[in-house]
């Protein structure tokens, strides 16, 4: 990645994590009191099989290193 791309990626990660914290975590998880987070994930178990929010292709789920990953095969090719 070019320096500008790395800087933009880092800023995006920080912004996303700040939003997650502000909203009490992801909607796929609960806190110590059983309250679900309010940060709506775009690709998660809640969206698997639904249309991708970017291109409309299906959101896929696959096993990876003992967990699961969610992605849009169409967007990954771009």
N, C-alpha and C. Protein backbone atom coordinates (compact mmCIF):
# COMPACT_ATOMS: atom_id res chain seq x y z
N UNK A 1 0.83 -1.19 0.00
CA UNK A 1 0.00 0.00 0.00
C UNK A 1 0.87 1.25 0.00
N UNK A 2 0.40 2.24 -0.70
CA UNK A 2 1.09 3.53 -0.70
C UNK A 2 0.88 4.20 0.66
N UNK A 3 1.73 5.16 0.98
CA UNK A 3 1.63 5.86 2.27
C UNK A 3 0.24 6.45 2.49
N UNK A 4 -0.32 7.08 1.47
CA UNK A 4 -1.65 7.68 1.60
C UNK A 4 -2.71 6.61 1.88
N UNK A 5 -2.58 5.46 1.25
CA UNK A 5 -3.53 4.36 1.47
C UNK A 5 -3.43 3.82 2.89
N UNK A 6 -2.21 3.67 3.38
CA UNK A 6 -2.02 3.19 4.77
C UNK A 6 -2.60 4.19 5.76
N UNK A 7 -2.38 5.47 5.51
CA UNK A 7 -2.92 6.51 6.40
C UNK A 7 -4.44 6.48 6.40
N UNK A 8 -5.04 6.34 5.22
CA UNK A 8 -6.51 6.29 5.12
C UNK A 8 -7.06 5.04 5.79
N UNK A 9 -6.40 3.90 5.61
CA UNK A 9 -6.83 2.66 6.24
C UNK A 9 -6.76 2.76 7.76
N UNK A 10 -5.66 3.30 8.28
CA UNK A 10 -5.50 3.46 9.72
C UNK A 10 -6.58 4.37 10.29
N UNK A 11 -6.87 5.47 9.61
CA UNK A 11 -7.91 6.40 10.07
C UNK A 11 -9.28 5.71 10.06
N UNK A 12 -9.55 4.92 9.05
CA UNK A 12 -10.82 4.21 8.96
C UNK A 12 -10.98 3.19 10.08
N UNK A 13 -9.92 2.45 10.39
CA UNK A 13 -9.97 1.48 11.49
C UNK A 13 -10.22 2.19 12.81
N UNK A 14 -9.52 3.29 13.06
CA UNK A 14 -9.72 4.04 14.30
C UNK A 14 -11.14 4.58 14.40
N UNK A 15 -11.68 5.09 13.29
CA UNK A 15 -13.03 5.64 13.28
C UNK A 15 -14.07 4.53 13.56
N UNK A 16 -13.88 3.38 12.93
CA UNK A 16 -14.81 2.26 13.12
C UNK A 16 -14.77 1.76 14.56
N UNK A 17 -13.58 1.60 15.13
CA UNK A 17 -13.47 1.14 16.51
C UNK A 17 -14.08 2.15 17.49
N UNK A 18 -13.91 3.42 17.23
CA UNK A 18 -14.51 4.46 18.08
C UNK A 18 -16.03 4.36 18.03
N UNK A 19 -16.59 4.12 16.83
CA UNK A 19 -18.05 3.96 16.70
C UNK A 19 -18.52 2.72 17.46
N UNK A 20 -17.77 1.64 17.37
CA UNK A 20 -18.14 0.41 18.10
C UNK A 20 -18.18 0.64 19.60
N UNK A 21 -17.16 1.31 20.11
CA UNK A 21 -17.10 1.60 21.55
C UNK A 21 -18.26 2.49 21.96
N UNK A 22 -18.51 3.54 21.18
CA UNK A 22 -19.58 4.50 21.51
C UNK A 22 -20.95 3.82 21.53
N UNK A 23 -21.12 2.79 20.72
CA UNK A 23 -22.42 2.10 20.64
C UNK A 23 -22.47 0.83 21.47
N UNK A 24 -21.49 0.64 22.34
CA UNK A 24 -21.53 -0.49 23.26
C UNK A 24 -21.17 -1.83 22.64
N UNK A 25 -20.49 -1.82 21.52
CA UNK A 25 -20.04 -3.06 20.89
C UNK A 25 -20.90 -3.46 19.71
N UNK A 26 -20.50 -4.58 19.10
CA UNK A 26 -21.20 -5.09 17.91
C UNK A 26 -22.55 -5.68 18.27
N UNK A 27 -23.45 -5.67 17.30
CA UNK A 27 -24.79 -6.23 17.50
C UNK A 27 -24.76 -7.76 17.58
N UNK A 28 -23.63 -8.37 17.30
CA UNK A 28 -23.49 -9.83 17.37
C UNK A 28 -22.99 -10.29 18.73
N UNK A 29 -22.71 -9.36 19.63
CA UNK A 29 -22.17 -9.67 20.96
C UNK A 29 -23.00 -9.02 22.05
N UNK A 30 -22.83 -9.52 23.27
CA UNK A 30 -23.50 -8.93 24.43
C UNK A 30 -22.45 -8.54 25.47
N UNK A 31 -22.79 -7.57 26.33
CA UNK A 31 -21.86 -7.17 27.39
C UNK A 31 -22.03 -8.09 28.60
N UNK A 32 -21.37 -7.76 29.69
CA UNK A 32 -21.42 -8.60 30.90
C UNK A 32 -22.82 -8.72 31.49
N UNK A 33 -23.71 -7.81 31.13
CA UNK A 33 -25.07 -7.82 31.65
C UNK A 33 -26.06 -8.42 30.66
N UNK A 34 -25.54 -8.93 29.53
CA UNK A 34 -26.40 -9.54 28.53
C UNK A 34 -27.04 -8.57 27.56
N UNK A 35 -26.60 -7.32 27.59
CA UNK A 35 -27.15 -6.31 26.70
C UNK A 35 -26.40 -6.33 25.37
N UNK A 36 -27.12 -6.49 24.26
CA UNK A 36 -26.42 -6.51 22.97
C UNK A 36 -25.90 -5.12 22.59
N UNK A 37 -24.80 -5.12 21.84
CA UNK A 37 -24.25 -3.86 21.35
C UNK A 37 -25.16 -3.28 20.28
N UNK A 38 -24.99 -2.00 20.02
CA UNK A 38 -25.83 -1.29 19.05
C UNK A 38 -25.09 -0.95 17.76
N UNK A 39 -23.82 -1.38 17.64
CA UNK A 39 -23.09 -1.15 16.39
C UNK A 39 -23.53 -2.23 15.40
N UNK A 40 -24.19 -1.81 14.33
CA UNK A 40 -24.71 -2.75 13.34
C UNK A 40 -23.60 -3.20 12.40
N UNK A 41 -23.28 -4.49 12.46
CA UNK A 41 -22.24 -5.03 11.58
C UNK A 41 -22.77 -5.14 10.16
N UNK A 42 -21.88 -4.95 9.20
CA UNK A 42 -22.28 -5.03 7.79
C UNK A 42 -22.16 -6.45 7.26
N UNK A 43 -21.16 -7.20 7.72
CA UNK A 43 -20.93 -8.58 7.31
C UNK A 43 -20.74 -9.42 8.57
N UNK A 44 -21.77 -10.17 8.95
CA UNK A 44 -21.72 -10.96 10.18
C UNK A 44 -22.72 -12.09 10.10
N UNK A 45 -22.84 -12.84 11.19
CA UNK A 45 -23.83 -13.93 11.22
C UNK A 45 -25.25 -13.38 11.04
N UNK A 46 -25.44 -12.11 11.38
CA UNK A 46 -26.76 -11.50 11.20
C UNK A 46 -27.06 -11.16 9.74
N UNK A 47 -26.02 -11.07 8.91
CA UNK A 47 -26.21 -10.69 7.52
C UNK A 47 -25.88 -11.80 6.53
N UNK A 48 -25.41 -12.94 7.01
CA UNK A 48 -25.05 -14.05 6.11
C UNK A 48 -26.25 -14.45 5.27
N UNK A 49 -26.03 -14.57 3.97
CA UNK A 49 -27.09 -14.94 3.04
C UNK A 49 -27.89 -13.76 2.52
N UNK A 50 -27.75 -12.61 3.15
CA UNK A 50 -28.44 -11.40 2.69
C UNK A 50 -27.62 -10.73 1.58
N UNK A 51 -28.22 -9.78 0.89
CA UNK A 51 -27.46 -9.05 -0.14
C UNK A 51 -26.36 -8.19 0.48
N UNK A 52 -25.23 -8.11 -0.20
CA UNK A 52 -24.12 -7.25 0.20
C UNK A 52 -24.60 -5.80 0.16
N UNK A 53 -24.27 -5.00 1.18
CA UNK A 53 -24.71 -3.60 1.18
C UNK A 53 -24.04 -2.75 0.10
N UNK A 54 -22.97 -3.24 -0.51
CA UNK A 54 -22.26 -2.48 -1.53
C UNK A 54 -22.74 -2.84 -2.94
N UNK A 55 -22.76 -4.16 -3.24
CA UNK A 55 -23.03 -4.57 -4.62
C UNK A 55 -24.30 -5.41 -4.80
N UNK A 56 -24.87 -5.89 -3.71
CA UNK A 56 -26.08 -6.70 -3.79
C UNK A 56 -25.84 -8.19 -3.93
N UNK A 57 -24.57 -8.60 -4.06
CA UNK A 57 -24.25 -10.03 -4.11
C UNK A 57 -24.48 -10.67 -2.74
N UNK A 58 -24.50 -12.00 -2.67
CA UNK A 58 -24.77 -12.65 -1.38
C UNK A 58 -23.59 -12.54 -0.41
N UNK A 59 -23.89 -12.35 0.86
CA UNK A 59 -22.88 -12.38 1.91
C UNK A 59 -22.65 -13.85 2.26
N UNK A 60 -21.40 -14.30 2.14
CA UNK A 60 -21.06 -15.71 2.38
C UNK A 60 -20.42 -15.90 3.74
N UNK A 61 -20.56 -17.10 4.28
CA UNK A 61 -19.94 -17.48 5.55
C UNK A 61 -19.06 -18.69 5.30
N UNK A 62 -17.84 -18.66 5.85
CA UNK A 62 -16.93 -19.80 5.76
C UNK A 62 -16.17 -19.94 7.07
N UNK A 63 -15.79 -21.18 7.37
CA UNK A 63 -14.96 -21.45 8.54
C UNK A 63 -13.54 -20.99 8.27
N UNK A 64 -12.91 -20.39 9.31
CA UNK A 64 -11.54 -19.93 9.18
C UNK A 64 -10.87 -19.92 10.54
N UNK A 65 -9.82 -20.72 10.68
CA UNK A 65 -9.01 -20.77 11.91
C UNK A 65 -9.85 -20.93 13.17
N UNK A 66 -10.81 -21.80 13.15
CA UNK A 66 -11.63 -22.06 14.32
C UNK A 66 -12.79 -21.10 14.51
N UNK A 67 -12.94 -20.17 13.61
CA UNK A 67 -14.04 -19.21 13.69
C UNK A 67 -14.74 -19.14 12.36
N UNK A 68 -15.42 -18.05 12.13
CA UNK A 68 -16.12 -17.85 10.87
C UNK A 68 -15.76 -16.48 10.30
N UNK A 69 -15.75 -16.42 8.98
CA UNK A 69 -15.57 -15.15 8.29
C UNK A 69 -16.78 -14.93 7.39
N UNK A 70 -17.10 -13.68 7.16
CA UNK A 70 -18.24 -13.30 6.33
C UNK A 70 -17.72 -12.32 5.28
N UNK A 71 -18.10 -12.55 4.03
CA UNK A 71 -17.58 -11.71 2.96
C UNK A 71 -18.50 -11.77 1.74
N UNK A 72 -18.30 -10.84 0.85
CA UNK A 72 -18.99 -10.83 -0.44
C UNK A 72 -17.96 -11.24 -1.49
N UNK A 73 -18.17 -12.36 -2.14
CA UNK A 73 -17.22 -12.86 -3.14
C UNK A 73 -17.09 -11.88 -4.31
N UNK A 74 -18.15 -11.20 -4.66
CA UNK A 74 -18.10 -10.24 -5.76
C UNK A 74 -17.20 -9.06 -5.41
N UNK A 75 -17.36 -8.48 -4.23
CA UNK A 75 -16.55 -7.34 -3.83
C UNK A 75 -15.08 -7.74 -3.62
N UNK A 76 -14.82 -8.96 -3.18
CA UNK A 76 -13.44 -9.40 -2.93
C UNK A 76 -12.64 -9.50 -4.23
N UNK A 77 -13.31 -9.66 -5.36
CA UNK A 77 -12.62 -9.76 -6.64
C UNK A 77 -12.25 -8.40 -7.20
N UNK A 78 -12.85 -7.37 -6.69
CA UNK A 78 -12.60 -6.02 -7.25
C UNK A 78 -11.30 -5.44 -6.77
